[in-house]
Amino acid sequence: MEKYLIVAIVFAACVLLVIYTQMDHSKSTKKLSLKEKVQQEFPQYKVIERNENIVICREIVGSRIDEELVLIRVDEHQNKNLRTVGKMLIATYKKPPSIREIRKDTIGYV
């Protein structure tokens, strides 16, 4: 009988441990979209979402058209790819990138 009690206590402890580790501890912080994260990281630039892509732009005074500096594209069918077209960087990622990765890849453009 004592063996079953010990097994039951260990089993209950394991179940509680699994439940605790699976809980969402970030209840106070809301989930931000990639656009909102990029806007918080680069507040001096204008961040727009166009055709499911994120574009980091520099506003030009006296012009209606903004200078596009970085285009961030998430495409699960392509590997990570960084290419330059004129002054603009086109960054393609397989999954949504972290802010750290974006900052590292765009260091010469923004």
N, C-alpha and C. Protein backbone atom coordinates (compact mmCIF):
# COMPACT_ATOMS: atom_id res chain seq x y z
N MET A 1 0.82 -1.20 0.00
CA MET A 1 0.00 0.00 0.00
C MET A 1 0.86 1.26 0.00
N GLU A 2 1.97 1.21 0.74
CA GLU A 2 2.86 2.37 0.78
C GLU A 2 3.49 2.64 -0.58
N LYS A 3 3.74 1.58 -1.35
CA LYS A 3 4.33 1.74 -2.68
C LYS A 3 3.38 2.52 -3.59
N TYR A 4 2.10 2.19 -3.51
CA TYR A 4 1.11 2.88 -4.34
C TYR A 4 0.98 4.35 -3.95
N LEU A 5 1.06 4.63 -2.67
CA LEU A 5 0.99 6.01 -2.19
C LEU A 5 2.18 6.82 -2.72
N ILE A 6 3.37 6.25 -2.68
CA ILE A 6 4.56 6.94 -3.18
C ILE A 6 4.45 7.16 -4.69
N VAL A 7 4.00 6.14 -5.41
CA VAL A 7 3.83 6.26 -6.85
C VAL A 7 2.79 7.33 -7.17
N ALA A 8 1.71 7.39 -6.42
CA ALA A 8 0.67 8.39 -6.65
C ALA A 8 1.19 9.80 -6.39
N ILE A 9 1.98 9.96 -5.34
CA ILE A 9 2.54 11.28 -5.03
C ILE A 9 3.50 11.73 -6.12
N VAL A 10 4.38 10.82 -6.58
CA VAL A 10 5.32 11.16 -7.65
C VAL A 10 4.57 11.48 -8.93
N PHE A 11 3.55 10.71 -9.26
CA PHE A 11 2.76 10.96 -10.46
C PHE A 11 2.07 12.32 -10.40
N ALA A 12 1.49 12.64 -9.25
CA ALA A 12 0.82 13.93 -9.08
C ALA A 12 1.82 15.08 -9.20
N ALA A 13 3.03 14.91 -8.66
CA ALA A 13 4.05 15.95 -8.76
C ALA A 13 4.46 16.15 -10.22
N CYS A 14 4.57 15.06 -10.97
CA CYS A 14 4.93 15.17 -12.39
C CYS A 14 3.84 15.88 -13.18
N VAL A 15 2.58 15.57 -12.90
CA VAL A 15 1.47 16.22 -13.59
C VAL A 15 1.46 17.72 -13.28
N LEU A 16 1.66 18.08 -12.02
CA LEU A 16 1.70 19.50 -11.65
C LEU A 16 2.88 20.21 -12.31
N LEU A 17 4.01 19.54 -12.40
CA LEU A 17 5.17 20.13 -13.05
C LEU A 17 4.91 20.39 -14.54
N VAL A 18 4.28 19.44 -15.21
CA VAL A 18 3.95 19.62 -16.63
C VAL A 18 2.96 20.76 -16.82
N ILE A 19 1.95 20.82 -15.98
CA ILE A 19 0.96 21.90 -16.08
C ILE A 19 1.62 23.26 -15.84
N TYR A 20 2.50 23.34 -14.85
CA TYR A 20 3.17 24.60 -14.54
C TYR A 20 4.06 25.06 -15.69
N THR A 21 4.80 24.14 -16.30
CA THR A 21 5.70 24.54 -17.39
C THR A 21 4.95 24.91 -18.66
N GLN A 22 3.74 24.45 -18.85
CA GLN A 22 2.98 24.74 -20.06
C GLN A 22 2.13 26.00 -19.94
N MET A 23 2.04 26.58 -18.77
CA MET A 23 1.23 27.78 -18.58
C MET A 23 1.91 28.97 -19.26
N ASP A 24 1.10 29.92 -19.71
CA ASP A 24 1.60 31.13 -20.33
C ASP A 24 1.93 32.13 -19.22
N HIS A 25 3.21 32.40 -19.01
CA HIS A 25 3.62 33.29 -17.94
C HIS A 25 3.62 34.75 -18.35
N SER A 26 3.43 35.04 -19.61
CA SER A 26 3.47 36.42 -20.09
C SER A 26 2.05 36.97 -20.26
N LYS A 27 1.26 36.85 -19.23
CA LYS A 27 -0.12 37.33 -19.30
C LYS A 27 -0.19 38.85 -19.33
N SER A 28 0.80 39.50 -18.72
CA SER A 28 0.77 40.96 -18.68
C SER A 28 1.20 41.57 -20.01
N THR A 29 2.05 40.88 -20.76
CA THR A 29 2.49 41.41 -22.05
C THR A 29 1.64 40.80 -23.15
N LYS A 30 1.12 41.66 -23.99
CA LYS A 30 0.28 41.17 -25.08
C LYS A 30 1.16 40.72 -26.24
N LYS A 31 0.62 39.88 -27.07
CA LYS A 31 1.35 39.40 -28.24
C LYS A 31 1.35 40.50 -29.29
N LEU A 32 2.54 40.86 -29.74
CA LEU A 32 2.67 41.91 -30.75
C LEU A 32 2.92 41.27 -32.10
N SER A 33 2.40 41.90 -33.13
CA SER A 33 2.66 41.43 -34.48
C SER A 33 4.09 41.82 -34.86
N LEU A 34 4.57 41.24 -35.95
CA LEU A 34 5.93 41.55 -36.40
C LEU A 34 6.06 43.03 -36.74
N LYS A 35 5.03 43.60 -37.33
CA LYS A 35 5.06 45.03 -37.68
C LYS A 35 5.20 45.89 -36.43
N GLU A 36 4.45 45.56 -35.38
CA GLU A 36 4.52 46.35 -34.15
C GLU A 36 5.88 46.21 -33.47
N LYS A 37 6.45 45.01 -33.51
CA LYS A 37 7.78 44.80 -32.93
C LYS A 37 8.83 45.62 -33.68
N VAL A 38 8.75 45.61 -35.01
CA VAL A 38 9.71 46.37 -35.82
C VAL A 38 9.53 47.86 -35.57
N GLN A 39 8.29 48.33 -35.45
CA GLN A 39 8.04 49.75 -35.19
C GLN A 39 8.60 50.17 -33.84
N GLN A 40 8.50 49.29 -32.83
CA GLN A 40 9.07 49.61 -31.52
C GLN A 40 10.60 49.63 -31.58
N GLU A 41 11.18 48.78 -32.39
CA GLU A 41 12.64 48.72 -32.49
C GLU A 41 13.21 49.90 -33.27
N PHE A 42 12.51 50.34 -34.30
CA PHE A 42 12.97 51.45 -35.14
C PHE A 42 11.95 52.59 -35.11
N PRO A 43 11.84 53.32 -34.00
CA PRO A 43 10.80 54.37 -33.91
C PRO A 43 11.07 55.57 -34.80
N GLN A 44 12.31 55.77 -35.22
CA GLN A 44 12.62 56.92 -36.06
C GLN A 44 12.22 56.72 -37.51
N TYR A 45 11.81 55.50 -37.87
CA TYR A 45 11.39 55.20 -39.24
C TYR A 45 9.90 54.89 -39.29
N LYS A 46 9.36 54.99 -40.46
CA LYS A 46 7.96 54.65 -40.69
C LYS A 46 7.91 53.18 -41.12
N VAL A 47 7.10 52.38 -40.45
CA VAL A 47 6.98 50.95 -40.76
C VAL A 47 5.57 50.72 -41.30
N ILE A 48 5.50 50.16 -42.51
CA ILE A 48 4.20 49.88 -43.12
C ILE A 48 4.15 48.41 -43.50
N GLU A 49 2.93 47.91 -43.59
CA GLU A 49 2.72 46.53 -44.03
C GLU A 49 2.05 46.60 -45.40
N ARG A 50 2.67 45.95 -46.38
CA ARG A 50 2.15 46.00 -47.73
C ARG A 50 2.27 44.61 -48.35
N ASN A 51 1.15 44.04 -48.76
CA ASN A 51 1.11 42.72 -49.39
C ASN A 51 1.79 41.65 -48.52
N GLU A 52 1.49 41.64 -47.25
CA GLU A 52 2.04 40.69 -46.26
C GLU A 52 3.54 40.84 -46.10
N ASN A 53 4.10 41.97 -46.47
CA ASN A 53 5.51 42.29 -46.27
C ASN A 53 5.61 43.49 -45.34
N ILE A 54 6.71 43.58 -44.61
CA ILE A 54 6.96 44.72 -43.74
C ILE A 54 7.99 45.59 -44.43
N VAL A 55 7.72 46.88 -44.53
CA VAL A 55 8.62 47.82 -45.19
C VAL A 55 9.02 48.89 -44.19
N ILE A 56 10.34 49.08 -44.03
CA ILE A 56 10.87 50.15 -43.18
C ILE A 56 11.23 51.30 -44.11
N CYS A 57 10.60 52.46 -43.89
CA CYS A 57 10.77 53.61 -44.78
C CYS A 57 11.30 54.82 -44.02
N ARG A 58 11.98 55.69 -44.75
CA ARG A 58 12.39 56.98 -44.23
C ARG A 58 11.51 58.01 -44.89
N GLU A 59 10.85 58.83 -44.08
CA GLU A 59 9.97 59.86 -44.63
C GLU A 59 10.81 61.00 -45.19
N ILE A 60 10.47 61.44 -46.39
CA ILE A 60 11.17 62.54 -47.03
C ILE A 60 10.27 63.77 -46.94
N VAL A 61 10.80 64.84 -46.38
CA VAL A 61 10.04 66.07 -46.20
C VAL A 61 9.75 66.66 -47.57
N GLY A 62 8.49 67.02 -47.79
CA GLY A 62 8.09 67.64 -49.04
C GLY A 62 7.81 66.66 -50.16
N SER A 63 7.79 65.39 -49.84
CA SER A 63 7.52 64.38 -50.85
C SER A 63 6.43 63.44 -50.34
N ARG A 64 5.59 63.01 -51.24
CA ARG A 64 4.53 62.08 -50.85
C ARG A 64 5.03 60.65 -50.79
N ILE A 65 6.13 60.38 -51.45
CA ILE A 65 6.67 59.03 -51.52
C ILE A 65 7.81 58.89 -50.51
N ASP A 66 7.75 57.83 -49.70
CA ASP A 66 8.80 57.57 -48.71
C ASP A 66 9.92 56.76 -49.34
N GLU A 67 11.12 56.94 -48.81
CA GLU A 67 12.27 56.15 -49.28
C GLU A 67 12.26 54.80 -48.57
N GLU A 68 12.10 53.73 -49.33
CA GLU A 68 12.05 52.39 -48.77
C GLU A 68 13.46 51.90 -48.52
N LEU A 69 13.74 51.56 -47.27
CA LEU A 69 15.09 51.13 -46.91
C LEU A 69 15.20 49.61 -46.83
N VAL A 70 14.23 48.96 -46.18
CA VAL A 70 14.28 47.51 -45.96
C VAL A 70 12.89 46.93 -46.20
N LEU A 71 12.85 45.83 -46.94
CA LEU A 71 11.62 45.08 -47.13
C LEU A 71 11.82 43.72 -46.47
N ILE A 72 10.96 43.37 -45.52
CA ILE A 72 11.05 42.11 -44.79
C ILE A 72 9.92 41.22 -45.27
N ARG A 73 10.29 40.07 -45.78
CA ARG A 73 9.32 39.12 -46.33
C ARG A 73 9.47 37.80 -45.58
N VAL A 74 8.33 37.20 -45.19
CA VAL A 74 8.33 35.90 -44.55
C VAL A 74 7.68 34.92 -45.52
N ASP A 75 8.47 33.94 -45.99
CA ASP A 75 8.00 32.93 -46.93
C ASP A 75 8.54 31.59 -46.48
N GLU A 76 7.66 30.72 -46.05
CA GLU A 76 8.09 29.43 -45.50
C GLU A 76 8.68 28.51 -46.57
N HIS A 77 8.53 28.84 -47.83
CA HIS A 77 9.05 28.00 -48.91
C HIS A 77 10.45 28.41 -49.36
N GLN A 78 10.97 29.50 -48.79
CA GLN A 78 12.31 29.98 -49.16
C GLN A 78 13.21 30.00 -47.94
N ASN A 79 14.48 29.79 -48.16
CA ASN A 79 15.45 29.91 -47.08
C ASN A 79 15.77 31.38 -46.86
N LYS A 80 16.52 31.66 -45.80
CA LYS A 80 16.90 33.04 -45.52
C LYS A 80 17.73 33.58 -46.68
N ASN A 81 17.36 34.78 -47.13
CA ASN A 81 18.04 35.37 -48.28
C ASN A 81 18.08 36.88 -48.08
N LEU A 82 19.26 37.46 -48.18
CA LEU A 82 19.44 38.91 -48.09
C LEU A 82 20.00 39.39 -49.42
N ARG A 83 19.29 40.30 -50.08
CA ARG A 83 19.79 40.84 -51.34
C ARG A 83 19.50 42.33 -51.40
N THR A 84 20.33 43.01 -52.17
CA THR A 84 20.23 44.46 -52.29
C THR A 84 19.73 44.81 -53.68
N VAL A 85 18.74 45.70 -53.71
CA VAL A 85 18.23 46.24 -54.96
C VAL A 85 18.34 47.75 -54.84
N GLY A 86 19.33 48.33 -55.49
CA GLY A 86 19.58 49.76 -55.36
C GLY A 86 20.04 50.07 -53.94
N LYS A 87 19.31 50.95 -53.26
CA LYS A 87 19.63 51.29 -51.87
C LYS A 87 18.83 50.44 -50.88
N MET A 88 17.95 49.60 -51.40
CA MET A 88 17.03 48.86 -50.53
C MET A 88 17.51 47.43 -50.30
N LEU A 89 17.34 46.96 -49.07
CA LEU A 89 17.63 45.58 -48.72
C LEU A 89 16.33 44.79 -48.74
N ILE A 90 16.33 43.66 -49.41
CA ILE A 90 15.19 42.76 -49.39
C ILE A 90 15.61 41.54 -48.57
N ALA A 91 14.99 41.37 -47.43
CA ALA A 91 15.32 40.27 -46.51
C ALA A 91 14.17 39.27 -46.52
N THR A 92 14.46 38.05 -46.92
CA THR A 92 13.45 36.98 -46.94
C THR A 92 13.80 35.98 -45.86
N TYR A 93 12.81 35.64 -45.04
CA TYR A 93 13.01 34.69 -43.94
C TYR A 93 12.04 33.53 -44.09
N LYS A 94 12.45 32.36 -43.61
CA LYS A 94 11.61 31.17 -43.66
C LYS A 94 10.51 31.23 -42.60
N LYS A 95 10.81 31.82 -41.45
CA LYS A 95 9.84 31.99 -40.35
C LYS A 95 9.97 33.42 -39.85
N PRO A 96 9.01 33.90 -39.09
CA PRO A 96 9.11 35.29 -38.60
C PRO A 96 10.40 35.49 -37.81
N PRO A 97 11.21 36.45 -38.21
CA PRO A 97 12.51 36.65 -37.57
C PRO A 97 12.39 37.34 -36.22
N SER A 98 13.42 37.17 -35.41
CA SER A 98 13.48 37.88 -34.14
C SER A 98 13.97 39.30 -34.41
N ILE A 99 13.72 40.18 -33.47
CA ILE A 99 14.17 41.56 -33.60
C ILE A 99 15.69 41.62 -33.65
N ARG A 100 16.33 40.77 -32.90
CA ARG A 100 17.79 40.72 -32.89
C ARG A 100 18.33 40.37 -34.28
N GLU A 101 17.70 39.40 -34.93
CA GLU A 101 18.12 39.00 -36.27
C GLU A 101 17.88 40.12 -37.29
N ILE A 102 16.75 40.80 -37.18
CA ILE A 102 16.45 41.91 -38.08
C ILE A 102 17.48 43.03 -37.88
N ARG A 103 17.77 43.35 -36.63
CA ARG A 103 18.73 44.41 -36.34
C ARG A 103 20.10 44.05 -36.93
N LYS A 104 20.51 42.79 -36.77
CA LYS A 104 21.82 42.35 -37.27
C LYS A 104 21.87 42.39 -38.80
N ASP A 105 20.79 41.99 -39.47
CA ASP A 105 20.77 41.95 -40.93
C ASP A 105 20.64 43.32 -41.57
N THR A 106 20.01 44.26 -40.90
CA THR A 106 19.76 45.57 -41.49
C THR A 106 20.71 46.65 -41.00
N ILE A 107 21.80 46.27 -40.37
CA ILE A 107 22.68 47.24 -39.73
C ILE A 107 23.25 48.29 -40.70
N GLY A 108 23.48 47.95 -41.93
CA GLY A 108 24.03 48.93 -42.87
C GLY A 108 22.98 49.74 -43.61
N TYR A 109 21.71 49.45 -43.37
CA TYR A 109 20.65 50.11 -44.15
C TYR A 109 19.78 51.04 -43.32
N VAL A 110 19.66 50.78 -42.02
CA VAL A 110 18.87 51.66 -41.14
C VAL A 110 19.71 52.12 -39.99
